[in-house]
Amino acid sequence: MTSRQTQMNLPSFTFRSPPAGLHLTVQEWALIVKALSAYQHNQTYRPLYEKLMDRTS
């Protein structure tokens, strides 16, 4: 029995860097962190969630 690496099913659109000067309100950051918190148990999303939590605390 062999283990297989789990593949992420990402949307097929291209990610772009935000334009310089993009600012999010406290409420917008809170919405993003709250949405991402639902996935914090997943090892793929946990580092990003923790990184955002470090910046917001």
N, C-alpha and C. Protein backbone atom coordinates (compact mmCIF):
# COMPACT_ATOMS: atom_id res chain seq x y z
N MET A 1 0.84 -1.18 0.00
CA MET A 1 0.00 0.00 0.00
C MET A 1 0.89 1.24 0.00
N THR A 2 0.64 2.15 -0.89
CA THR A 2 1.43 3.38 -0.96
C THR A 2 0.53 4.57 -0.70
N SER A 3 1.13 5.62 -0.18
CA SER A 3 0.35 6.83 0.06
C SER A 3 0.49 7.76 -1.13
N ARG A 4 -0.57 8.43 -1.45
CA ARG A 4 -0.55 9.39 -2.55
C ARG A 4 -0.66 10.80 -1.98
N GLN A 5 0.03 11.71 -2.63
CA GLN A 5 -0.06 13.11 -2.21
C GLN A 5 -1.41 13.66 -2.66
N THR A 6 -2.07 14.35 -1.75
CA THR A 6 -3.36 14.94 -2.06
C THR A 6 -3.17 16.16 -2.95
N GLN A 7 -3.94 16.22 -4.02
CA GLN A 7 -3.88 17.37 -4.91
C GLN A 7 -4.98 18.35 -4.54
N MET A 8 -4.65 19.64 -4.62
CA MET A 8 -5.65 20.66 -4.36
C MET A 8 -6.46 20.89 -5.63
N ASN A 9 -7.75 21.03 -5.49
CA ASN A 9 -8.61 21.37 -6.61
C ASN A 9 -8.81 22.87 -6.62
N LEU A 10 -7.93 23.57 -7.31
CA LEU A 10 -8.00 25.02 -7.37
C LEU A 10 -8.82 25.45 -8.58
N PRO A 11 -9.46 26.60 -8.49
CA PRO A 11 -10.17 27.11 -9.66
C PRO A 11 -9.21 27.28 -10.83
N SER A 12 -9.73 27.26 -12.03
CA SER A 12 -8.87 27.32 -13.21
C SER A 12 -8.53 28.74 -13.65
N PHE A 13 -8.88 29.75 -12.86
CA PHE A 13 -8.52 31.11 -13.25
C PHE A 13 -7.10 31.43 -12.79
N THR A 14 -6.53 32.47 -13.35
CA THR A 14 -5.17 32.88 -13.04
C THR A 14 -5.18 33.85 -11.87
N PHE A 15 -4.30 33.62 -10.91
CA PHE A 15 -4.19 34.52 -9.77
C PHE A 15 -3.30 35.69 -10.16
N ARG A 16 -3.70 36.87 -9.75
CA ARG A 16 -2.91 38.06 -10.01
C ARG A 16 -2.54 38.71 -8.68
N SER A 17 -1.39 39.32 -8.64
CA SER A 17 -1.01 40.07 -7.45
C SER A 17 -1.90 41.30 -7.37
N PRO A 18 -2.26 41.71 -6.15
CA PRO A 18 -3.08 42.91 -6.03
C PRO A 18 -2.29 44.14 -6.47
N PRO A 19 -2.98 45.14 -6.97
CA PRO A 19 -2.28 46.36 -7.39
C PRO A 19 -1.63 47.04 -6.18
N ALA A 20 -0.56 47.76 -6.45
CA ALA A 20 0.11 48.49 -5.38
C ALA A 20 -0.88 49.46 -4.75
N GLY A 21 -0.84 49.55 -3.46
CA GLY A 21 -1.73 50.47 -2.77
C GLY A 21 -3.08 49.87 -2.41
N LEU A 22 -3.27 48.57 -2.68
CA LEU A 22 -4.53 47.94 -2.30
C LEU A 22 -4.62 47.90 -0.78
N HIS A 23 -5.70 48.41 -0.25
CA HIS A 23 -5.89 48.44 1.20
C HIS A 23 -7.22 47.78 1.53
N LEU A 24 -7.20 46.97 2.56
CA LEU A 24 -8.43 46.33 3.03
C LEU A 24 -8.79 46.94 4.38
N THR A 25 -10.08 47.08 4.61
CA THR A 25 -10.53 47.59 5.89
C THR A 25 -10.39 46.50 6.94
N VAL A 26 -10.51 46.87 8.19
CA VAL A 26 -10.47 45.90 9.28
C VAL A 26 -11.59 44.87 9.10
N GLN A 27 -12.74 45.33 8.67
CA GLN A 27 -13.87 44.44 8.47
C GLN A 27 -13.61 43.45 7.33
N GLU A 28 -12.96 43.92 6.25
CA GLU A 28 -12.64 43.03 5.13
C GLU A 28 -11.63 41.96 5.54
N TRP A 29 -10.59 42.36 6.31
CA TRP A 29 -9.62 41.39 6.81
C TRP A 29 -10.32 40.37 7.71
N ALA A 30 -11.22 40.85 8.56
CA ALA A 30 -11.94 39.96 9.47
C ALA A 30 -12.76 38.93 8.69
N LEU A 31 -13.39 39.35 7.61
CA LEU A 31 -14.17 38.42 6.78
C LEU A 31 -13.27 37.36 6.15
N ILE A 32 -12.12 37.78 5.66
CA ILE A 32 -11.19 36.84 5.03
C ILE A 32 -10.68 35.83 6.06
N VAL A 33 -10.25 36.31 7.22
CA VAL A 33 -9.72 35.42 8.25
C VAL A 33 -10.82 34.48 8.75
N LYS A 34 -12.03 35.00 8.92
CA LYS A 34 -13.14 34.16 9.39
C LYS A 34 -13.43 33.05 8.37
N ALA A 35 -13.46 33.39 7.09
CA ALA A 35 -13.72 32.39 6.06
C ALA A 35 -12.60 31.34 6.03
N LEU A 36 -11.37 31.79 6.14
CA LEU A 36 -10.23 30.88 6.09
C LEU A 36 -10.16 30.01 7.34
N SER A 37 -10.69 30.48 8.46
CA SER A 37 -10.63 29.70 9.70
C SER A 37 -11.36 28.37 9.58
N ALA A 38 -12.33 28.30 8.70
CA ALA A 38 -13.06 27.04 8.49
C ALA A 38 -12.15 25.96 7.92
N TYR A 39 -11.03 26.35 7.35
CA TYR A 39 -10.10 25.40 6.72
C TYR A 39 -8.81 25.23 7.51
N GLN A 40 -8.72 25.81 8.71
CA GLN A 40 -7.46 25.76 9.45
C GLN A 40 -7.04 24.35 9.84
N HIS A 41 -7.96 23.39 9.83
CA HIS A 41 -7.60 22.00 10.12
C HIS A 41 -6.85 21.36 8.95
N ASN A 42 -6.96 21.94 7.77
CA ASN A 42 -6.34 21.40 6.56
C ASN A 42 -4.89 21.87 6.48
N GLN A 43 -3.96 20.93 6.33
CA GLN A 43 -2.54 21.30 6.34
C GLN A 43 -2.15 22.22 5.18
N THR A 44 -2.93 22.24 4.13
CA THR A 44 -2.64 23.13 3.00
C THR A 44 -2.95 24.58 3.35
N TYR A 45 -4.02 24.81 4.08
CA TYR A 45 -4.47 26.16 4.40
C TYR A 45 -3.94 26.69 5.73
N ARG A 46 -3.54 25.79 6.64
CA ARG A 46 -3.13 26.20 7.98
C ARG A 46 -2.01 27.23 7.99
N PRO A 47 -0.92 27.07 7.20
CA PRO A 47 0.14 28.08 7.24
C PRO A 47 -0.34 29.48 6.85
N LEU A 48 -1.22 29.56 5.86
CA LEU A 48 -1.74 30.86 5.46
C LEU A 48 -2.62 31.45 6.56
N TYR A 49 -3.47 30.62 7.15
CA TYR A 49 -4.32 31.08 8.25
C TYR A 49 -3.46 31.61 9.40
N GLU A 50 -2.43 30.85 9.78
CA GLU A 50 -1.57 31.27 10.89
C GLU A 50 -0.81 32.55 10.54
N LYS A 51 -0.39 32.68 9.30
CA LYS A 51 0.31 33.89 8.86
C LYS A 51 -0.60 35.11 8.99
N LEU A 52 -1.84 34.97 8.56
CA LEU A 52 -2.79 36.08 8.67
C LEU A 52 -3.11 36.38 10.13
N MET A 53 -3.23 35.35 10.95
CA MET A 53 -3.52 35.57 12.36
C MET A 53 -2.38 36.31 13.04
N ASP A 54 -1.13 36.00 12.66
CA ASP A 54 0.02 36.71 13.23
C ASP A 54 -0.03 38.19 12.89
N ARG A 55 -0.50 38.51 11.70
CA ARG A 55 -0.56 39.91 11.27
C ARG A 55 -1.73 40.67 11.87
N THR A 56 -2.77 39.95 12.25
CA THR A 56 -3.96 40.63 12.76
C THR A 56 -4.00 40.70 14.28
N SER A 57 -3.07 40.03 14.93
CA SER A 57 -3.11 40.06 16.41
C SER A 57 -2.13 41.07 16.97
